[in-house]
Amino acid sequence: MLKQMMARKSGLSKETGASMTEYIIIVALVAIFLIGAVGLFGDKVKSLFSTSTTKLNAVQSKMNSR
């Protein structure tokens, strides 16, 4: 009986899940990926938003001139 209780207790004390080091590695990899994506697609996204802003401003000017 005592052995069973000790086995259960020792099973609960085992570390499960990710440690802080693993989380830091994951965050670092995500940051590297995002920096690469911004470097690769940054100019295209900037151009897309610039074009959208220009078109929205033209529509707003037409709406205000009525």
C-alpha atoms as a PDB file:
ATOM      1  CA  MET A   1       0.000   0.000   0.000  1.00  0.00           C
ATOM      2  CA  LEU A   2       2.765   2.416   0.899  1.00  0.00           C
ATOM      3  CA  LYS A   3       4.617   1.586  -2.326  1.00  0.00           C
ATOM      4  CA  GLN A   4       1.498   2.370  -4.365  1.00  0.00           C
ATOM      5  CA  MET A   5       1.078   5.739  -2.656  1.00  0.00           C
ATOM      6  CA  MET A   6       4.745   6.584  -3.201  1.00  0.00           C
ATOM      7  CA  ALA A   7       4.484   5.556  -6.875  1.00  0.00           C
ATOM      8  CA  ARG A   8       1.496   7.828  -7.365  1.00  0.00           C
ATOM      9  CA  LYS A   9       3.189  10.703  -5.576  1.00  0.00           C
ATOM     10  CA  SER A  10       6.394  10.337  -7.570  1.00  0.00           C
ATOM     11  CA  GLY A  11       4.365  10.185 -10.785  1.00  0.00           C
ATOM     12  CA  LEU A  12       2.754  13.498  -9.961  1.00  0.00           C
ATOM     13  CA  SER A  13       6.040  15.193  -9.288  1.00  0.00           C
ATOM     14  CA  LYS A  14       7.482  14.373 -12.715  1.00  0.00           C
ATOM     15  CA  GLU A  15       7.788  17.401 -14.934  1.00  0.00           C
ATOM     16  CA  THR A  16       5.433  17.365 -17.883  1.00  0.00           C
ATOM     17  CA  GLY A  17       4.834  19.946 -20.563  1.00  0.00           C
ATOM     18  CA  ALA A  18       7.129  22.508 -22.085  1.00  0.00           C
ATOM     19  CA  SER A  19       9.801  24.249 -20.071  1.00  0.00           C
ATOM     20  CA  MET A  20      10.571  27.947 -20.258  1.00  0.00           C
ATOM     21  CA  THR A  21      13.551  27.253 -22.511  1.00  0.00           C
ATOM     22  CA  GLU A  22      11.324  25.537 -25.056  1.00  0.00           C
ATOM     23  CA  TYR A  23       8.913  28.480 -25.052  1.00  0.00           C
ATOM     24  CA  ILE A  24      11.806  30.898 -25.609  1.00  0.00           C
ATOM     25  CA  ILE A  25      13.006  28.832 -28.572  1.00  0.00           C
ATOM     26  CA  ILE A  26       9.505  28.837 -30.079  1.00  0.00           C
ATOM     27  CA  VAL A  27       9.152  32.608 -29.624  1.00  0.00           C
ATOM     28  CA  ALA A  28      12.572  33.187 -31.183  1.00  0.00           C
ATOM     29  CA  LEU A  29      11.705  31.033 -34.216  1.00  0.00           C
ATOM     30  CA  VAL A  30       8.391  32.847 -34.692  1.00  0.00           C
ATOM     31  CA  ALA A  31      10.182  36.213 -34.460  1.00  0.00           C
ATOM     32  CA  ILE A  32      12.761  35.132 -37.056  1.00  0.00           C
ATOM     33  CA  PHE A  33       9.972  33.951 -39.355  1.00  0.00           C
ATOM     34  CA  LEU A  34       8.042  37.224 -38.996  1.00  0.00           C
ATOM     35  CA  ILE A  35      11.135  39.336 -39.645  1.00  0.00           C
ATOM     36  CA  GLY A  36      11.804  37.312 -42.782  1.00  0.00           C
ATOM     37  CA  ALA A  37       8.195  37.617 -43.941  1.00  0.00           C
ATOM     38  CA  VAL A  38       8.176  41.386 -43.437  1.00  0.00           C
ATOM     39  CA  GLY A  39      11.453  41.661 -45.328  1.00  0.00           C
ATOM     40  CA  LEU A  40      10.089  39.564 -48.166  1.00  0.00           C
ATOM     41  CA  PHE A  41       6.574  41.007 -48.449  1.00  0.00           C
ATOM     42  CA  GLY A  42       7.003  44.431 -46.818  1.00  0.00           C
ATOM     43  CA  ASP A  43       7.184  46.481 -50.008  1.00  0.00           C
ATOM     44  CA  LYS A  44       4.231  44.654 -51.564  1.00  0.00           C
ATOM     45  CA  VAL A  45       2.060  45.231 -48.495  1.00  0.00           C
ATOM     46  CA  LYS A  46       3.101  48.890 -48.336  1.00  0.00           C
ATOM     47  CA  SER A  47       2.161  49.322 -52.000  1.00  0.00           C
ATOM     48  CA  LEU A  48      -1.180  47.588 -51.455  1.00  0.00           C
ATOM     49  CA  PHE A  49      -2.084  49.870 -48.544  1.00  0.00           C
ATOM     50  CA  SER A  50      -0.930  52.939 -50.442  1.00  0.00           C
ATOM     51  CA  THR A  51      -3.121  52.059 -53.431  1.00  0.00           C
ATOM     52  CA  SER A  52      -6.096  51.340 -51.156  1.00  0.00           C
ATOM     53  CA  THR A  53      -5.646  54.654 -49.334  1.00  0.00           C
ATOM     54  CA  THR A  54      -5.489  56.569 -52.615  1.00  0.00           C
ATOM     55  CA  LYS A  55      -8.689  54.925 -53.874  1.00  0.00           C
ATOM     56  CA  LEU A  56     -10.521  55.476 -50.594  1.00  0.00           C
ATOM     57  CA  ASN A  57      -9.508  59.131 -50.546  1.00  0.00           C
ATOM     58  CA  ALA A  58     -10.827  59.534 -54.125  1.00  0.00           C
ATOM     59  CA  VAL A  59     -14.173  58.004 -53.145  1.00  0.00           C
ATOM     60  CA  GLN A  60     -14.365  60.202 -50.071  1.00  0.00           C
ATOM     61  CA  SER A  61     -13.665  63.315 -52.173  1.00  0.00           C
ATOM     62  CA  LYS A  62     -16.490  62.375 -54.555  1.00  0.00           C
ATOM     63  CA  MET A  63     -18.862  61.804 -51.615  1.00  0.00           C
ATOM     64  CA  ASN A  64     -17.965  65.168 -50.060  1.00  0.00           C
ATOM     65  CA  SER A  65     -18.397  67.061 -53.337  1.00  0.00           C
ATOM     66  CA  ARG A  66     -22.069  66.067 -53.653  1.00  0.00           C
END
